[in-house]
Protein backbone atom coordinates (compact mmCIF):
# COMPACT_ATOMS: atom_id res chain seq x y z
CA MET A 1 -12.16 -7.24 14.11
CA LYS A 2 -9.59 -4.44 13.91
CA ALA A 3 -10.05 -1.20 11.99
CA VAL A 4 -7.82 1.88 11.78
CA PHE A 5 -9.70 5.16 12.02
CA CYS A 6 -8.99 8.79 11.40
CA GLU A 7 -11.16 10.39 14.09
CA LYS A 8 -9.64 13.86 13.92
CA LEU A 9 -7.57 15.55 11.24
CA GLY A 10 -3.85 15.50 11.84
CA GLY A 11 -0.89 13.21 11.35
CA PRO A 12 -0.24 9.47 11.57
CA ASP A 13 0.07 9.56 15.37
CA ASP A 14 -3.54 10.74 15.58
CA LEU A 15 -4.86 7.51 14.04
CA VAL A 16 -6.74 5.09 16.31
CA VAL A 17 -6.92 1.28 16.11
CA ARG A 18 -10.29 0.00 17.36
CA ASP A 19 -12.10 -3.32 17.66
CA VAL A 20 -15.37 -3.13 15.73
CA PRO A 21 -18.10 -5.69 14.96
CA GLU A 22 -17.76 -7.80 11.84
CA PRO A 23 -19.98 -6.49 9.04
CA GLY A 24 -22.34 -9.45 8.97
CA ALA A 25 -23.93 -11.29 6.08
CA PRO A 26 -23.99 -9.65 2.64
CA GLY A 27 -27.28 -8.51 1.19
CA ALA A 28 -28.58 -9.09 -2.31
CA GLY A 29 -25.96 -8.16 -4.88
CA GLU A 30 -23.20 -7.98 -2.25
CA VAL A 31 -20.22 -10.04 -1.11
CA THR A 32 -18.19 -10.12 2.10
CA VAL A 33 -14.42 -9.98 1.62
CA ALA A 34 -11.78 -10.86 4.21
CA LEU A 35 -9.00 -8.42 3.37
CA GLU A 36 -5.38 -9.58 3.34
CA ALA A 37 -3.40 -6.62 2.00
CA ARG A 38 -4.01 -2.90 1.57
CA GLY A 39 -2.10 -0.36 -0.49
CA ILE A 40 -1.38 2.94 1.28
CA ALA A 41 -0.57 6.04 -0.76
CA TYR A 42 0.46 9.66 -0.43
CA THR A 43 -3.19 10.64 -0.88
CA ASP A 44 -4.00 8.84 2.38
CA LEU A 45 -1.52 11.11 4.16
CA LEU A 46 -3.27 14.15 2.67
CA LEU A 47 -6.72 12.79 3.60
CA ILE A 48 -5.94 12.39 7.29
CA ALA A 49 -4.51 15.93 7.33
CA GLY A 50 -7.58 17.39 5.61
CA GLN A 51 -5.43 18.55 2.71
CA TYR A 52 -6.95 16.49 -0.11
CA GLN A 53 -9.55 17.86 -2.52
CA VAL A 54 -12.05 15.27 -1.23
CA ARG A 55 -12.78 15.37 2.52
CA PRO A 56 -14.63 12.34 3.92
CA ASN A 57 -16.76 12.79 7.01
CA LEU A 58 -15.08 11.92 10.30
CA PRO A 59 -14.48 9.28 11.49
CA PHE A 60 -13.34 7.22 8.50
CA VAL A 61 -11.27 4.09 7.95
CA ILE A 62 -7.97 4.93 6.29
CA GLY A 63 -6.99 3.41 2.96
CA SER A 64 -9.02 2.84 -0.16
CA GLU A 65 -7.67 -0.14 -2.12
CA ALA A 66 -7.22 -3.69 -0.92
CA THR A 67 -7.11 -7.34 -1.87
CA GLY A 68 -8.55 -10.37 -0.14
CA ARG A 69 -10.79 -13.39 -0.54
CA VAL A 70 -14.56 -13.67 -0.75
CA ILE A 71 -15.97 -15.35 2.38
CA ALA A 72 -19.72 -14.91 1.75
CA VAL A 73 -21.89 -14.25 -1.30
CA GLY A 74 -25.31 -12.63 -1.23
CA ALA A 75 -28.28 -13.42 -3.43
CA GLU A 76 -28.29 -12.40 -7.09
CA VAL A 77 -24.48 -12.34 -7.34
CA GLU A 78 -22.95 -13.89 -10.44
CA GLY A 79 -19.31 -14.48 -11.29
CA LEU A 80 -18.00 -14.49 -7.71
CA ALA A 81 -17.73 -17.41 -5.30
CA VAL A 82 -16.41 -18.09 -1.81
CA GLY A 83 -12.63 -18.39 -1.95
CA ASP A 84 -12.13 -16.10 -4.96
CA ALA A 85 -9.18 -13.72 -4.74
CA VAL A 86 -10.41 -10.19 -5.42
CA LEU A 87 -9.43 -6.54 -5.67
CA THR A 88 -11.78 -4.13 -3.91
CA GLY A 89 -12.12 -0.90 -2.04
CA GLY A 90 -11.63 -1.36 1.65
CA GLY A 91 -8.68 0.01 3.52
CA CYS A 92 -7.35 -0.76 6.98
CA VAL A 93 -10.08 -3.05 8.27
CA GLU A 94 -10.25 -6.85 8.36
CA GLN A 95 -13.57 -7.44 6.57
CA VAL A 96 -15.82 -5.43 4.28
CA VAL A 97 -19.18 -5.92 2.60
CA LYS A 98 -19.18 -4.53 -0.92
CA PRO A 99 -21.51 -4.46 -3.94
CA ALA A 100 -20.38 -7.24 -6.24
CA ALA A 101 -20.11 -4.66 -9.03
CA ASP A 102 -17.31 -2.96 -7.08
CA VAL A 103 -15.28 -6.17 -6.64
CA THR A 104 -12.87 -7.41 -9.31
CA LYS A 105 -11.90 -11.07 -9.47
CA LEU A 106 -8.14 -11.60 -9.71
CA PRO A 107 -6.42 -14.30 -11.76
CA PRO A 108 -5.55 -17.28 -9.53
CA HIS A 109 -1.76 -16.85 -9.82
CA VAL A 110 -1.62 -13.12 -8.95
CA ASP A 111 0.06 -12.31 -5.63
CA LEU A 112 -2.41 -10.51 -3.36
CA GLU A 113 0.18 -8.18 -1.87
CA ALA A 114 1.46 -7.09 -5.28
CA ALA A 115 -2.12 -6.60 -6.47
CA ALA A 116 -2.80 -4.31 -3.50
CA ALA A 117 -0.06 -2.03 -4.89
CA PHE A 118 -1.68 -1.98 -8.28
CA ARG A 119 -4.97 -0.29 -9.06
CA TYR A 120 -4.63 3.39 -8.13
CA ASN A 121 -1.05 3.76 -9.34
CA TYR A 122 -1.50 1.97 -12.62
CA SER A 123 -4.91 3.47 -13.35
CA THR A 124 -3.35 6.91 -12.91
CA ALA A 125 -0.41 6.03 -15.15
CA LEU A 126 -2.49 4.53 -17.95
CA TYR A 127 -5.04 7.37 -17.96
CA GLY A 128 -2.18 9.87 -17.96
CA MET A 129 -0.55 8.26 -20.99
CA GLN A 130 -3.89 8.32 -22.77
CA ARG A 131 -4.44 12.00 -21.96
CA GLY A 132 -0.86 12.71 -23.06
CA ARG A 133 -1.38 10.73 -26.29
CA LEU A 134 1.90 8.87 -25.75
CA GLN A 135 3.09 7.12 -28.91
CA ALA A 136 5.60 4.33 -29.37
CA GLY A 137 9.01 5.81 -30.11
CA GLU A 138 8.40 9.04 -28.18
CA THR A 139 10.43 10.11 -25.17
CA LEU A 140 8.63 10.01 -21.82
CA LEU A 141 10.12 11.89 -18.86
CA VAL A 142 8.79 10.57 -15.53
CA HIS A 143 9.40 12.60 -12.38
CA GLY A 144 9.11 11.16 -8.88
CA ALA A 145 9.92 7.75 -10.31
CA GLY A 146 10.55 6.34 -6.84
CA GLY A 147 6.91 6.87 -5.85
CA GLY A 148 3.97 4.65 -6.66
CA VAL A 149 2.44 6.64 -9.52
CA GLY A 150 5.90 7.43 -10.91
CA LEU A 151 7.08 3.82 -10.98
CA ALA A 152 3.80 2.74 -12.55
CA ALA A 153 4.31 5.37 -15.27
CA VAL A 154 7.78 3.97 -15.99
CA ASP A 155 6.30 0.47 -16.30
CA VAL A 156 3.34 1.53 -18.47
CA GLY A 157 5.45 3.87 -20.62
CA LYS A 158 7.88 1.10 -21.48
CA LEU A 159 5.02 -1.27 -22.26
CA MET A 160 3.62 1.34 -24.66
CA GLY A 161 6.94 1.58 -26.51
CA ALA A 162 8.36 4.87 -25.21
CA THR A 163 11.95 5.69 -24.38
CA VAL A 164 11.70 6.41 -20.66
CA ILE A 165 13.80 8.88 -18.69
CA ALA A 166 13.14 8.54 -14.95
CA THR A 167 14.04 11.08 -12.27
CA ALA A 168 14.17 10.57 -8.51
CA GLY A 169 16.07 11.84 -5.52
CA SER A 170 18.19 8.82 -4.54
CA GLU A 171 20.29 6.09 -6.11
CA GLU A 172 18.13 3.43 -4.46
CA LYS A 173 14.97 4.78 -6.09
CA LEU A 174 16.66 5.17 -9.46
CA ALA A 175 17.88 1.57 -9.29
CA VAL A 176 14.28 0.35 -8.93
CA ALA A 177 13.18 2.57 -11.84
CA SER A 178 15.91 0.95 -13.96
CA GLU A 179 14.71 -2.47 -12.84
CA LEU A 180 11.22 -1.62 -14.12
CA GLY A 181 12.63 -0.64 -17.51
CA ALA A 182 13.71 3.01 -17.47
CA ASP A 183 16.20 3.60 -20.28
CA HIS A 184 17.91 6.50 -18.51
CA VAL A 185 17.82 7.70 -14.90
CA ILE A 186 18.61 11.11 -13.41
CA ASP A 187 19.07 12.19 -9.80
CA TYR A 188 17.12 15.44 -10.04
CA SER A 189 18.34 16.84 -6.72
CA ASN A 190 20.52 19.29 -8.65
CA GLY A 191 18.33 19.71 -11.73
CA PHE A 192 17.64 17.67 -14.83
CA ARG A 193 17.04 20.01 -17.76
CA GLU A 194 20.49 19.82 -19.32
CA ARG A 195 20.71 16.04 -18.99
CA VAL A 196 17.29 15.60 -20.60
CA LYS A 197 18.36 17.85 -23.47
CA GLU A 198 21.56 15.83 -23.84
CA LEU A 199 19.72 12.51 -23.90
CA THR A 200 17.25 13.76 -26.52
CA GLY A 201 19.72 15.47 -28.84
CA GLY A 202 18.55 18.89 -27.68
CA ARG A 203 14.90 18.25 -28.51
CA GLY A 204 13.42 17.61 -25.06
CA ALA A 205 10.80 15.12 -23.88
CA ASP A 206 7.60 14.52 -25.84
CA VAL A 207 5.55 13.69 -22.74
CA ILE A 208 6.43 14.76 -19.19
CA TYR A 209 4.64 13.00 -16.33
CA ASP A 210 4.86 15.20 -13.24
CA PRO A 211 3.45 14.17 -9.85
CA VAL A 212 5.86 16.54 -8.07
CA GLY A 213 4.96 20.07 -9.17
CA GLY A 214 6.71 23.14 -7.80
CA ASP A 215 10.23 23.75 -9.08
CA VAL A 216 10.20 20.43 -10.96
CA PHE A 217 7.29 21.60 -13.10
CA ASP A 218 9.01 24.93 -13.73
CA GLU A 219 12.14 23.19 -14.99
CA SER A 220 10.08 20.71 -17.02
CA MET A 221 8.63 23.59 -19.01
CA ARG A 222 12.18 24.30 -20.19
CA CYS A 223 12.82 20.81 -21.54
CA VAL A 224 9.52 19.89 -23.17
CA ALA A 225 9.85 19.07 -26.87
CA PRO A 226 8.03 20.96 -29.62
CA PHE A 227 4.41 19.75 -29.65
CA GLY A 228 5.10 18.12 -26.26
CA ARG A 229 2.62 17.48 -23.45
CA VAL A 230 3.21 18.11 -19.74
CA LEU A 231 0.95 15.97 -17.54
CA ILE A 232 -0.04 17.49 -14.19
CA VAL A 233 -0.41 14.49 -11.87
CA GLY A 234 -0.05 16.09 -8.43
CA PHE A 235 1.99 18.28 -6.13
CA THR A 236 4.08 16.15 -3.78
CA ALA A 237 6.54 19.06 -3.57
CA GLY A 238 3.78 20.97 -1.81
CA ARG A 239 3.46 23.82 -4.30
CA PRO A 240 1.20 23.82 -7.34
CA ALA A 241 3.16 25.42 -10.16
CA LEU A 242 2.06 28.32 -12.33
CA ALA A 243 2.50 27.43 -15.99
CA LYS A 244 4.28 30.09 -18.00
CA THR A 245 2.11 30.22 -21.06
CA ASN A 246 4.83 31.82 -23.16
CA HIS A 247 6.81 28.56 -22.88
CA LEU A 248 3.78 26.61 -24.08
CA LEU A 249 3.23 29.08 -26.89
CA ILE A 250 6.71 28.98 -28.39
CA LYS A 251 6.85 25.17 -28.20
CA ASP A 252 3.29 24.52 -29.46
CA ALA A 253 3.08 22.52 -26.21
CA GLU A 254 0.27 21.60 -23.82
CA ALA A 255 -0.17 21.37 -20.04
CA ILE A 256 -2.80 18.73 -19.22
CA GLY A 257 -4.41 18.06 -15.86
CA PHE A 258 -6.34 14.88 -15.06
CA THR A 259 -7.87 13.02 -12.12
CA LEU A 260 -9.15 9.48 -11.73
CA GLY A 261 -12.14 10.72 -9.75
CA ALA A 262 -13.37 12.80 -12.68
CA LEU A 263 -12.82 9.92 -15.09
CA SER A 264 -14.85 7.52 -12.93
CA ALA A 265 -17.63 10.05 -12.39
CA ARG A 266 -17.90 11.47 -15.90
CA ARG A 267 -16.66 8.66 -18.12
CA PRO A 268 -17.29 5.38 -16.26
CA ASP A 269 -17.15 3.49 -19.55
CA TRP A 270 -13.59 4.71 -20.11
CA ALA A 271 -12.63 3.83 -16.52
CA ARG A 272 -14.02 0.30 -16.94
CA ARG A 273 -12.13 -0.21 -20.21
CA ASN A 274 -8.92 0.88 -18.53
CA GLN A 275 -9.48 -1.52 -15.65
CA ASP A 276 -10.00 -4.36 -18.13
CA ILE A 277 -6.76 -3.42 -19.92
CA LEU A 278 -4.80 -3.29 -16.67
CA MET A 279 -6.22 -6.58 -15.39
CA GLY A 280 -5.19 -8.21 -18.67
CA TRP A 281 -1.66 -6.84 -18.32
CA LEU A 282 -1.49 -7.98 -14.69
CA ALA A 283 -2.73 -11.48 -15.53
CA ALA A 284 -0.13 -11.75 -18.29
CA SER A 285 2.65 -10.41 -16.01
CA ARG A 286 3.26 -7.54 -18.42
CA ILE A 287 3.30 -5.04 -15.55
CA ARG A 288 5.09 -5.42 -12.21
CA PRO A 289 3.58 -3.59 -9.23
CA TYR A 290 6.32 -2.80 -6.72
CA PHE A 291 6.24 -2.23 -2.98
CA SER A 292 9.16 -1.62 -0.66
CA HIS A 293 7.58 -2.03 2.79
CA ARG A 294 4.95 -4.21 4.46
CA VAL A 295 3.48 -3.12 7.80
CA PRO A 296 1.06 -4.98 10.14
CA LEU A 297 -2.48 -3.63 10.43
CA SER A 298 -2.14 -2.65 14.09
CA GLN A 299 0.82 -0.44 13.13
CA ALA A 300 -0.77 1.15 10.05
CA ALA A 301 0.28 4.61 11.25
CA ASP A 302 3.88 3.55 10.53
CA ALA A 303 2.96 3.10 6.86
CA LEU A 304 1.96 6.75 6.65
CA LYS A 305 5.10 7.81 8.50
CA LEU A 306 7.23 5.97 5.94
CA ILE A 307 5.47 7.92 3.18
CA ALA A 308 5.89 11.23 5.01
CA GLU A 309 9.61 10.51 5.44
CA ARG A 310 9.90 9.67 1.70
CA ARG A 311 11.31 6.25 2.49
CA VAL A 312 8.79 4.31 0.39
CA ILE A 313 9.66 3.10 -3.09
CA GLY A 314 6.55 2.28 -5.08
CA LYS A 315 4.00 1.45 -2.42
CA VAL A 316 3.74 0.45 1.23
CA ILE A 317 1.47 -2.52 1.97
CA VAL A 318 -0.51 -3.05 5.18
CA VAL A 319 -1.06 -6.75 5.98
CA ASN A 320 -2.93 -8.58 8.72
CA ASP A 321 -1.20 -8.96 12.10
């Protein structure tokens, strides 16, 4: 079977596609999953460059979230059967053996490709809204709304009853944000502060969801509402910002950082509850995972190039050849 490896740190062209043995029969408490679709994210680009806060040992298979169907079930496994559609960790490989506890059964009608664009982005968005204490009727400003975590935040924010202002750097990306429910959209190439103030009657945004950082964070600090919360999601601009605490002080505002890794490690009960919430929303079609590109497994490097070139809207999906 095929697998896509990062064998040395670098860029997409350094990735290697290799034929490797199939994983074999699952052990007790395990299942074997034939993967059909994998979601690739900006974090995967950072991982292969050695620029992410977690550095896996080389070599490693790229990608971390996937969907597929169970093809074998080990002893002592309950609730999963051959043929079940599932969400699991996996990445750019054709089959994986996983502990059954790490595999989530999908509702029968859920599209596997859409589900592969789902877990990381929406888990980040939901946890962020919880940390930001978003309330129905508040104004949510989402930056980078063309990216996966940004679009998910638009979707989740609307579901939670917020008025959503989405920013992105192209009309195409803003159109998708509108499709997912954004009430207002702003091309932030030339700034956004004045337009946000105009849309909120001079008050500013109650919650600001910022996966961009850099200059975008700096400008966000100037349009956060009194008692507002600025959520630090990431730094796709390349520069972590330095919060000016005088701005927080005079607004009675907060800057809040959060990571899914810490939630899973330190509050697994909270992480499980969030997954149950999201799976319920997905099953009921209350959220709409979006992907703009699908790439064959043997050309997985192209998926990372699309991300590096900022051509992806939502997510890029890697499917079997």
